[in-house]
N, C-alpha and C. Protein backbone atom coordinates (compact mmCIF):
# COMPACT_ATOMS: atom_id res chain seq x y z
N MET A 1 -0.93 1.48 4.19
CA MET A 1 -0.26 2.74 4.67
C MET A 1 -1.01 4.20 3.87
N THR A 2 -1.31 5.50 4.48
CA THR A 2 -1.71 6.27 3.83
C THR A 2 -0.34 7.39 4.32
N GLY A 3 -0.19 8.33 3.54
CA GLY A 3 0.38 9.29 4.14
C GLY A 3 0.40 10.76 3.41
N SER A 4 0.93 11.78 3.92
CA SER A 4 0.82 13.04 3.38
C SER A 4 1.24 13.16 2.13
N GLU A 5 0.95 14.07 1.08
CA GLU A 5 1.53 14.36 -0.18
C GLU A 5 3.09 14.57 -0.39
N ALA A 6 3.49 14.98 0.63
CA ALA A 6 5.33 15.26 0.40
C ALA A 6 5.79 13.52 1.09
N ASP A 7 5.27 13.19 1.92
CA ASP A 7 5.95 11.83 2.14
C ASP A 7 5.70 10.62 1.01
N LEU A 8 4.45 10.77 0.30
CA LEU A 8 4.22 10.06 -1.01
C LEU A 8 4.91 10.10 -1.87
N LEU A 9 5.36 11.73 -2.29
CA LEU A 9 6.29 12.24 -3.31
C LEU A 9 7.88 11.74 -2.84
N ALA A 10 7.90 11.56 -1.62
CA ALA A 10 9.27 11.21 -1.28
C ALA A 10 9.64 9.40 -1.31
N LEU A 11 8.08 8.96 -0.99
CA LEU A 11 8.44 7.61 -1.51
C LEU A 11 8.47 7.11 -3.29
N LEU A 12 7.67 7.77 -3.91
CA LEU A 12 7.71 7.89 -5.20
C LEU A 12 9.46 7.93 -5.76
N ARG A 13 9.64 9.10 -4.91
CA ARG A 13 10.87 9.46 -5.63
C ARG A 13 12.13 8.56 -5.07
N GLU A 14 11.59 7.84 -4.27
CA GLU A 14 12.91 6.88 -3.77
C GLU A 14 13.11 5.42 -4.46
N LEU A 15 11.44 5.23 -5.18
CA LEU A 15 11.24 4.10 -5.57
C LEU A 15 11.63 4.10 -7.20
N ASP A 16 12.10 5.19 -7.79
CA ASP A 16 12.07 5.35 -9.31
C ASP A 16 13.53 5.39 -9.53
N ASP A 17 14.14 4.15 -9.95
CA ASP A 17 15.45 3.81 -10.50
C ASP A 17 15.43 3.54 -11.84
N PRO A 18 16.13 4.40 -12.63
CA PRO A 18 15.90 4.59 -14.04
C PRO A 18 16.60 3.36 -14.99
N ALA A 19 17.22 2.64 -13.98
CA ALA A 19 17.67 1.22 -14.71
C ALA A 19 17.04 0.19 -14.36
N TRP A 20 15.82 0.39 -13.73
CA TRP A 20 14.21 -0.39 -13.71
C TRP A 20 12.92 -0.15 -13.83
N LEU A 21 12.88 0.25 -15.28
CA LEU A 21 11.38 1.01 -15.33
C LEU A 21 10.54 0.24 -15.33
N GLU A 22 10.12 -1.35 -15.71
CA GLU A 22 8.91 -1.95 -15.68
C GLU A 22 8.48 -2.53 -14.40
N ARG A 23 9.45 -3.10 -13.58
CA ARG A 23 9.77 -3.51 -12.48
C ARG A 23 10.93 -3.47 -11.43
N PRO A 24 10.80 -2.90 -10.20
CA PRO A 24 12.00 -2.88 -9.25
C PRO A 24 13.22 -3.82 -9.25
N ARG A 25 13.96 -3.69 -8.53
CA ARG A 25 15.65 -4.50 -8.98
C ARG A 25 15.12 -6.14 -8.36
N ASP A 26 14.15 -5.62 -6.95
CA ASP A 26 14.30 -6.97 -6.03
C ASP A 26 12.60 -7.72 -6.23
N TYR A 27 12.17 -7.44 -7.41
CA TYR A 27 10.24 -7.90 -7.55
C TYR A 27 10.27 -8.96 -7.59
N ASP A 28 9.41 -9.49 -6.44
CA ASP A 28 9.72 -11.16 -6.27
C ASP A 28 8.06 -11.55 -7.04
N ARG A 29 7.69 -11.82 -7.88
CA ARG A 29 6.70 -12.19 -8.82
C ARG A 29 5.56 -12.92 -7.66
N GLY A 30 6.18 -13.90 -7.19
CA GLY A 30 5.12 -14.96 -6.38
C GLY A 30 5.15 -14.28 -5.23
N GLU A 31 5.33 -13.21 -4.44
CA GLU A 31 5.08 -12.14 -3.52
C GLU A 31 3.83 -11.40 -4.11
N ILE A 32 3.98 -11.04 -5.09
CA ILE A 32 2.85 -9.69 -5.46
C ILE A 32 1.65 -10.67 -5.78
N ALA A 33 1.86 -11.57 -6.73
CA ALA A 33 0.72 -12.87 -6.80
C ALA A 33 0.16 -13.05 -5.67
N ALA A 34 0.83 -13.60 -4.86
CA ALA A 34 -0.19 -14.39 -3.78
C ALA A 34 -1.03 -13.21 -2.72
N ARG A 35 -0.16 -11.57 -2.48
CA ARG A 35 -0.67 -10.71 -2.26
C ARG A 35 -1.89 -10.30 -2.89
N PHE A 36 -1.67 -10.10 -4.05
CA PHE A 36 -2.49 -9.71 -5.16
C PHE A 36 -4.09 -10.31 -5.07
N SER A 37 -3.65 -11.93 -5.29
CA SER A 37 -4.86 -13.17 -5.09
C SER A 37 -5.50 -12.58 -3.30
N THR A 38 -4.78 -12.75 -2.26
CA THR A 38 -5.41 -12.14 -1.00
C THR A 38 -6.20 -10.98 -1.14
N LEU A 39 -5.69 -9.90 -2.08
CA LEU A 39 -6.67 -8.65 -1.89
C LEU A 39 -8.06 -9.13 -2.69
N VAL A 40 -7.95 -9.68 -3.76
CA VAL A 40 -9.09 -10.21 -4.32
C VAL A 40 -10.01 -10.83 -3.66
N ALA A 41 -9.51 -11.73 -2.68
CA ALA A 41 -10.44 -12.23 -1.64
C ALA A 41 -11.17 -11.74 -0.79
N ARG A 42 -10.23 -10.48 -0.42
CA ARG A 42 -10.88 -9.78 0.81
C ARG A 42 -11.87 -8.78 0.04
N LEU A 43 -11.59 -8.15 -1.29
CA LEU A 43 -12.56 -7.45 -1.97
C LEU A 43 -14.12 -7.88 -2.15
N GLU A 44 -13.74 -9.37 -2.55
CA GLU A 44 -15.25 -9.99 -2.80
C GLU A 44 -15.57 -10.33 -1.54
N GLY A 45 -14.82 -10.69 -0.60
CA GLY A 45 -15.81 -10.83 0.85
C GLY A 45 -16.21 -9.69 1.47
N GLY A 46 -15.27 -8.66 1.62
CA GLY A 46 -15.98 -7.41 1.62
C GLY A 46 -17.50 -6.98 1.20
N PHE A 47 -17.21 -6.99 -0.43
CA PHE A 47 -18.59 -6.41 -1.22
C PHE A 47 -19.52 -7.44 -1.35
N ALA A 48 -19.17 -8.99 -0.77
CA ALA A 48 -19.99 -10.19 -1.03
C ALA A 48 -20.59 -10.15 -2.37
N THR A 49 -19.65 -10.21 -3.36
CA THR A 49 -19.72 -10.17 -4.79
C THR A 49 -18.49 -11.08 -5.76
N ARG A 50 -18.64 -11.38 -6.51
CA ARG A 50 -17.31 -11.80 -7.40
C ARG A 50 -16.63 -10.27 -8.19
N CYS A 51 -15.40 -10.53 -7.95
CA CYS A 51 -14.83 -9.47 -8.61
C CYS A 51 -13.71 -9.93 -9.77
N THR A 52 -13.50 -8.86 -10.80
CA THR A 52 -12.98 -9.32 -12.01
C THR A 52 -11.45 -9.12 -11.56
N ALA A 53 -10.46 -10.10 -11.89
CA ALA A 53 -9.23 -9.49 -11.86
C ALA A 53 -8.37 -9.74 -12.94
N GLU A 54 -7.36 -8.84 -12.85
CA GLU A 54 -6.73 -9.07 -13.95
C GLU A 54 -5.11 -8.91 -13.60
N PRO A 55 -4.70 -10.22 -13.46
CA PRO A 55 -3.14 -10.05 -12.97
C PRO A 55 -2.28 -10.20 -13.87
N ASP A 56 -0.95 -9.79 -13.48
CA ASP A 56 0.52 -10.12 -14.34
C ASP A 56 0.54 -9.17 -15.34
N THR A 57 -0.07 -8.33 -15.29
CA THR A 57 0.03 -7.24 -16.72
C THR A 57 1.68 -7.53 -17.32
N GLN A 58 1.50 -7.65 -18.69
CA GLN A 58 3.16 -7.66 -19.26
C GLN A 58 3.30 -6.10 -19.97
N ASP A 59 4.49 -6.11 -19.82
CA ASP A 59 4.81 -4.73 -20.61
C ASP A 59 4.37 -3.48 -19.79
N SER A 60 4.29 -3.53 -18.15
CA SER A 60 3.77 -2.38 -17.89
C SER A 60 4.26 -2.55 -16.43
N SER A 61 4.24 -1.14 -15.66
CA SER A 61 4.74 -1.26 -14.16
C SER A 61 3.74 -1.54 -13.16
N GLU A 62 2.51 -1.69 -14.07
CA GLU A 62 1.23 -2.26 -12.96
C GLU A 62 1.18 -3.75 -12.91
N TYR A 63 1.00 -4.45 -11.75
CA TYR A 63 0.89 -5.69 -11.53
C TYR A 63 -0.31 -6.25 -12.19
N GLY A 64 -1.76 -5.49 -11.58
CA GLY A 64 -3.04 -5.86 -12.25
C GLY A 64 -3.71 -5.24 -11.47
N ARG A 65 -4.96 -5.31 -11.86
CA ARG A 65 -6.31 -4.56 -11.45
C ARG A 65 -7.42 -5.70 -11.09
N VAL A 66 -8.29 -4.94 -9.93
CA VAL A 66 -9.30 -5.75 -9.37
C VAL A 66 -10.40 -4.82 -9.66
N THR A 67 -11.62 -5.22 -9.79
CA THR A 67 -12.95 -4.33 -10.25
C THR A 67 -14.02 -5.05 -9.37
N VAL A 68 -14.25 -3.97 -8.51
CA VAL A 68 -15.61 -4.33 -7.60
C VAL A 68 -16.72 -4.02 -8.57
N PRO A 69 -17.73 -4.87 -8.91
CA PRO A 69 -19.10 -4.52 -9.93
C PRO A 69 -19.80 -3.38 -9.16
N GLY A 70 -20.30 -2.51 -10.33
CA GLY A 70 -20.94 -1.69 -9.40
C GLY A 70 -22.44 -1.94 -8.91
N GLU A 71 -22.83 -3.34 -9.31
CA GLU A 71 -23.86 -3.75 -8.42
C GLU A 71 -23.37 -3.81 -7.00
N ALA A 72 -22.13 -4.11 -6.53
CA ALA A 72 -22.12 -4.37 -4.96
C ALA A 72 -21.70 -3.10 -4.49
N THR A 73 -21.67 -2.02 -4.93
CA THR A 73 -21.33 -0.49 -4.19
C THR A 73 -22.63 0.34 -4.04
N VAL A 74 -22.59 1.09 -3.16
CA VAL A 74 -23.53 1.92 -2.71
C VAL A 74 -24.25 2.78 -3.86
N ARG A 75 -23.32 3.44 -4.72
CA ARG A 75 -23.59 4.13 -5.42
C ARG A 75 -23.93 3.69 -7.19
N GLY A 76 -23.26 2.12 -6.77
CA GLY A 76 -23.53 1.92 -8.41
C GLY A 76 -22.72 1.90 -9.24
N THR A 77 -21.72 2.48 -8.69
CA THR A 77 -20.34 2.83 -9.68
C THR A 77 -19.11 1.94 -9.49
N ARG A 78 -18.60 1.19 -10.60
CA ARG A 78 -18.08 0.05 -9.97
C ARG A 78 -16.14 0.65 -9.36
N LEU A 79 -15.71 0.02 -8.45
CA LEU A 79 -14.44 0.86 -8.05
C LEU A 79 -13.25 -0.41 -8.88
N VAL A 80 -12.26 0.40 -9.02
CA VAL A 80 -11.25 -0.57 -9.98
C VAL A 80 -9.46 0.13 -8.91
N VAL A 81 -9.08 -1.02 -8.50
CA VAL A 81 -7.99 -0.97 -7.70
C VAL A 81 -6.86 -1.22 -8.77
N CYS A 82 -5.82 -0.27 -8.70
CA CYS A 82 -4.69 -0.70 -9.52
C CYS A 82 -3.73 -0.84 -8.90
N VAL A 83 -2.93 -2.38 -8.55
CA VAL A 83 -1.77 -2.85 -7.83
C VAL A 83 -0.22 -2.37 -8.86
N SER A 84 0.68 -1.56 -8.15
CA SER A 84 1.99 -1.19 -9.27
C SER A 84 2.62 -2.34 -8.77
N LYS A 85 3.54 -2.79 -9.58
CA LYS A 85 4.76 -3.89 -8.87
C LYS A 85 6.20 -3.08 -8.08
N PHE A 86 5.91 -2.08 -8.14
CA PHE A 86 6.83 -1.25 -7.31
C PHE A 86 6.32 -0.74 -5.58
N GLY A 87 6.80 -1.11 -4.82
CA GLY A 87 6.86 -0.67 -3.45
C GLY A 87 5.15 -0.91 -2.78
N SER A 88 4.47 -1.92 -3.55
CA SER A 88 3.21 -2.20 -2.83
C SER A 88 2.35 -1.03 -3.25
N LEU A 89 2.47 -0.14 -3.99
CA LEU A 89 1.70 0.94 -4.29
C LEU A 89 0.45 0.53 -5.01
N ALA A 90 -0.73 1.40 -4.55
CA ALA A 90 -1.98 0.69 -5.64
C ALA A 90 -2.58 2.23 -5.26
N LEU A 91 -3.65 2.14 -5.98
CA LEU A 91 -4.62 3.31 -6.39
C LEU A 91 -5.76 3.02 -6.52
N VAL A 92 -6.76 3.74 -6.20
CA VAL A 92 -8.20 3.25 -6.39
C VAL A 92 -8.69 4.72 -7.03
N CYS A 93 -9.79 3.73 -7.70
CA CYS A 93 -10.67 4.63 -8.39
C CYS A 93 -11.98 4.35 -8.86
N ALA A 94 -12.76 5.59 -9.01
CA ALA A 94 -14.46 5.06 -9.11
C ALA A 94 -14.26 5.24 -10.46
N ASP A 95 -15.04 4.04 -11.20
CA ASP A 95 -15.64 3.44 -12.17
C ASP A 95 -13.89 3.26 -13.29
N ASN A 96 -13.07 4.06 -12.98
CA ASN A 96 -12.00 3.66 -14.10
C ASN A 96 -10.72 4.74 -14.04
N PRO A 97 -9.63 4.58 -13.87
CA PRO A 97 -8.58 5.65 -13.68
C PRO A 97 -8.77 6.74 -14.75
N GLY A 98 -8.83 7.65 -14.11
CA GLY A 98 -8.98 9.11 -14.94
C GLY A 98 -10.42 9.26 -15.16
N ALA A 99 -11.40 8.44 -15.12
CA ALA A 99 -12.95 8.82 -15.23
C ALA A 99 -12.92 9.86 -14.14
N PHE A 100 -12.78 10.48 -13.41
CA PHE A 100 -12.63 11.43 -12.24
C PHE A 100 -11.87 12.17 -11.84
N LEU A 101 -11.29 13.11 -11.15
CA LEU A 101 -9.91 13.93 -10.64
C LEU A 101 -9.48 13.00 -9.47
N GLY A 102 -10.24 12.12 -9.22
CA GLY A 102 -9.56 11.00 -7.92
C GLY A 102 -11.01 11.01 -7.19
N THR A 103 -10.63 10.28 -6.18
CA THR A 103 -11.87 9.78 -5.11
C THR A 103 -12.67 11.34 -4.16
N ASP A 104 -11.80 12.04 -4.36
CA ASP A 104 -12.50 13.28 -3.88
C ASP A 104 -13.69 13.69 -4.70
N ASP A 105 -13.31 13.81 -6.10
CA ASP A 105 -14.12 14.49 -6.80
C ASP A 105 -15.43 13.70 -7.23
N ALA A 106 -14.90 11.77 -7.15
CA ALA A 106 -16.05 11.21 -6.99
C ALA A 106 -16.79 11.02 -6.21
N GLN A 107 -16.64 11.44 -4.97
CA GLN A 107 -17.77 11.38 -3.76
C GLN A 107 -18.34 12.46 -4.00
N ALA A 108 -17.67 13.61 -4.45
CA ALA A 108 -18.40 15.04 -4.70
C ALA A 108 -19.52 15.31 -5.47
N GLU A 109 -19.18 14.21 -6.41
CA GLU A 109 -20.46 13.99 -7.43
C GLU A 109 -21.17 13.45 -7.32
N GLY A 110 -21.11 12.38 -5.97
CA GLY A 110 -22.10 11.23 -5.62
C GLY A 110 -21.81 10.19 -6.19
N GLU A 111 -20.87 9.76 -6.98
CA GLU A 111 -20.56 8.42 -7.74
C GLU A 111 -19.93 7.57 -6.87
N LEU A 112 -19.32 8.21 -5.57
CA LEU A 112 -18.51 7.03 -4.75
C LEU A 112 -18.91 7.16 -3.42
N ASP A 113 -19.33 6.34 -2.89
CA ASP A 113 -19.69 6.51 -1.22
C ASP A 113 -18.16 6.04 -0.31
N GLY A 114 -18.33 7.00 0.98
CA GLY A 114 -17.32 6.95 1.48
C GLY A 114 -17.10 5.61 2.40
N ALA A 115 -17.88 4.99 2.57
CA ALA A 115 -18.00 3.25 3.57
C ALA A 115 -17.18 2.81 2.50
N ASP A 116 -17.64 2.97 1.02
CA ASP A 116 -17.03 1.57 -0.06
C ASP A 116 -15.58 2.29 -0.06
N LEU A 117 -15.17 3.31 -0.27
CA LEU A 117 -13.83 3.33 -0.09
C LEU A 117 -13.01 3.26 0.86
N ALA A 118 -13.70 3.63 2.15
CA ALA A 118 -12.76 3.06 3.34
C ALA A 118 -12.78 1.85 3.47
N LYS A 119 -13.39 0.61 2.97
CA LYS A 119 -13.83 -0.62 2.76
C LYS A 119 -12.29 -1.17 1.96
N VAL A 120 -12.17 -0.65 0.81
CA VAL A 120 -11.27 -1.05 0.18
C VAL A 120 -9.80 -0.59 0.71
N ASN A 121 -9.92 0.67 1.00
CA ASN A 121 -8.66 1.62 1.60
C ASN A 121 -7.89 0.34 2.69
N ARG A 122 -9.12 -0.02 3.76
CA ARG A 122 -8.87 -0.58 4.74
C ARG A 122 -7.99 -2.21 4.32
N ALA A 123 -8.51 -2.65 3.40
CA ALA A 123 -8.20 -3.86 2.79
C ALA A 123 -6.63 -3.68 2.41
N LEU A 124 -6.49 -2.81 1.59
CA LEU A 124 -5.21 -2.22 1.18
C LEU A 124 -3.93 -2.14 1.97
N THR A 125 -4.60 -1.12 2.84
CA THR A 125 -3.69 -0.96 4.01
C THR A 125 -3.28 -2.05 4.90
N GLU A 126 -4.39 -3.00 5.13
CA GLU A 126 -4.08 -4.45 6.20
C GLU A 126 -3.19 -5.34 5.25
N LEU A 127 -3.07 -5.43 4.14
CA LEU A 127 -2.03 -5.68 3.19
C LEU A 127 -0.96 -5.29 2.94
N GLY A 128 -0.81 -4.28 3.58
CA GLY A 128 0.61 -3.70 3.60
C GLY A 128 0.73 -2.81 2.05
N PHE A 129 -0.16 -2.45 1.75
CA PHE A 129 -0.22 -1.68 0.23
C PHE A 129 -0.18 0.26 0.93
N VAL A 130 0.67 0.89 -0.19
CA VAL A 130 0.33 2.25 -0.38
C VAL A 130 -0.34 3.08 -0.75
N VAL A 131 -1.57 3.49 -0.51
CA VAL A 131 -2.59 3.93 -1.55
C VAL A 131 -1.71 5.42 -1.66
N VAL A 132 -2.10 5.63 -3.01
CA VAL A 132 -1.35 6.67 -3.59
C VAL A 132 -2.78 7.13 -4.60
N PRO A 133 -2.93 8.83 -3.72
CA PRO A 133 -4.06 9.42 -4.47
C PRO A 133 -4.21 9.49 -6.18
N GLU A 134 -4.98 9.15 -6.66
CA GLU A 134 -4.87 9.42 -8.25
C GLU A 134 -4.28 11.03 -8.37
N GLU A 135 -5.04 11.48 -7.74
CA GLU A 135 -4.28 13.14 -8.18
C GLU A 135 -3.12 13.66 -7.94
N LEU A 136 -2.29 12.39 -7.24
CA LEU A 136 -0.84 12.97 -7.08
C LEU A 136 -0.30 12.63 -8.21
N LEU A 137 -0.48 11.09 -8.75
CA LEU A 137 0.22 10.60 -9.33
C LEU A 137 -0.14 11.22 -10.96
N GLU A 138 -1.27 12.06 -11.06
CA GLU A 138 -1.44 12.65 -12.34
C GLU A 138 -0.47 14.28 -12.23
N ASN A 139 0.22 14.15 -11.27
CA ASN A 139 1.02 15.47 -11.25
C ASN A 139 2.01 14.94 -12.38
N ASP A 140 2.80 16.21 -13.00
CA ASP A 140 3.85 16.18 -13.90
C ASP A 140 5.15 15.08 -13.36
N TYR A 141 5.33 14.26 -14.17
CA TYR A 141 6.52 13.28 -13.66
C TYR A 141 7.75 14.44 -13.52
N ASP A 142 8.27 14.46 -12.77
CA ASP A 142 10.16 15.10 -12.64
C ASP A 142 11.00 14.12 -12.45
N GLY A 143 11.14 12.68 -12.43
CA GLY A 143 12.26 12.07 -11.81
C GLY A 143 13.31 11.67 -12.97
N PRO A 144 14.26 10.81 -12.65
CA PRO A 144 15.57 10.58 -12.99
C PRO A 144 15.28 9.40 -14.45
N SER A 145 13.97 8.80 -14.56
CA SER A 145 13.53 7.67 -15.52
C SER A 145 13.74 8.61 -17.07
N ARG A 146 13.83 7.55 -17.83
CA ARG A 146 13.12 8.40 -19.24
C ARG A 146 12.07 7.24 -19.65
N LEU A 147 10.97 7.72 -19.69
CA LEU A 147 9.66 7.58 -20.07
C LEU A 147 9.52 7.27 -21.76
N PRO A 148 8.83 6.07 -21.76
CA PRO A 148 8.88 5.97 -23.16
C PRO A 148 8.31 7.12 -24.38
N SER A 149 9.09 6.91 -25.45
CA SER A 149 8.75 8.20 -26.22
C SER A 149 7.13 8.57 -26.14
N TYR A 150 6.45 7.37 -26.69
CA TYR A 150 4.95 7.38 -27.11
C TYR A 150 4.36 8.01 -25.91
N VAL A 151 4.61 8.05 -24.45
CA VAL A 151 3.90 9.00 -23.47
C VAL A 151 3.69 10.34 -23.98
N GLN A 152 3.09 10.93 -24.16
CA GLN A 152 2.60 12.32 -24.64
C GLN A 152 3.15 13.29 -23.37
N ARG A 153 2.39 12.98 -22.32
CA ARG A 153 2.32 13.44 -20.85
C ARG A 153 3.09 12.67 -20.05
N SER A 154 4.22 13.08 -19.64
CA SER A 154 4.69 12.32 -18.39
C SER A 154 4.04 12.83 -16.89
N SER A 155 3.79 11.57 -16.18
CA SER A 155 3.31 11.62 -15.02
C SER A 155 3.87 10.47 -14.09
N TRP A 156 3.53 10.63 -12.91
CA TRP A 156 3.82 9.76 -11.94
C TRP A 156 2.88 8.27 -12.28
N TRP A 157 1.86 8.64 -12.83
CA TRP A 157 0.95 7.68 -13.11
C TRP A 157 1.52 6.63 -14.28
N ASN A 158 2.48 7.30 -15.13
CA ASN A 158 3.03 6.51 -16.19
C ASN A 158 3.91 5.64 -15.56
N ARG A 159 4.78 6.77 -14.76
CA ARG A 159 5.94 5.98 -14.16
C ARG A 159 6.05 4.76 -13.19
N PHE A 160 4.53 4.60 -12.80
CA PHE A 160 4.63 3.25 -11.97
C PHE A 160 3.32 2.87 -12.05
N PHE A 161 2.48 3.01 -13.34
CA PHE A 161 1.32 1.88 -13.25
C PHE A 161 1.22 2.12 -14.70
N GLY A 162 1.84 2.43 -15.81
CA GLY A 162 2.44 2.97 -17.23
C GLY A 162 2.72 1.65 -18.02
N TYR A 163 2.46 2.02 -19.25
CA TYR A 163 3.18 0.82 -20.33
C TYR A 163 4.61 1.08 -20.56
N PHE A 164 5.34 -0.15 -20.83
CA PHE A 164 6.67 0.30 -21.35
C PHE A 164 7.20 -1.15 -22.54
């Protein structure tokens, strides 16, 4: 599922419960592990390659990451998919989170092919993930939760994909 920026911000605010920073109250580790494994298999099949999977991240609101190696992409830039423990949120990045100002920037710089991005987004949406653009997650966090003091600049990325 994708949505307008306003709809996505509304969803982020809805998921933001100050009592549950690292994971939501109704977190089901087994369910997200199964969906994450299915995502890895879909990406491996779609790109005809072995992907690196880092599941079950500890002390973080991010569940895990899947990396599609650059050798399997049109532009030779690896793709990183981050999966949050919250609301099936997912983030797609060229090279690494923060390497570009988002997927639009990576495409404009010739580092990300639109068909590769569409393949990843299709897998995510078909598995029920909500794809949130990196540009939106980099906005200043203004929700009710108190993020850890070591976070120098609070962003929505810190809230739903950061370490605690």
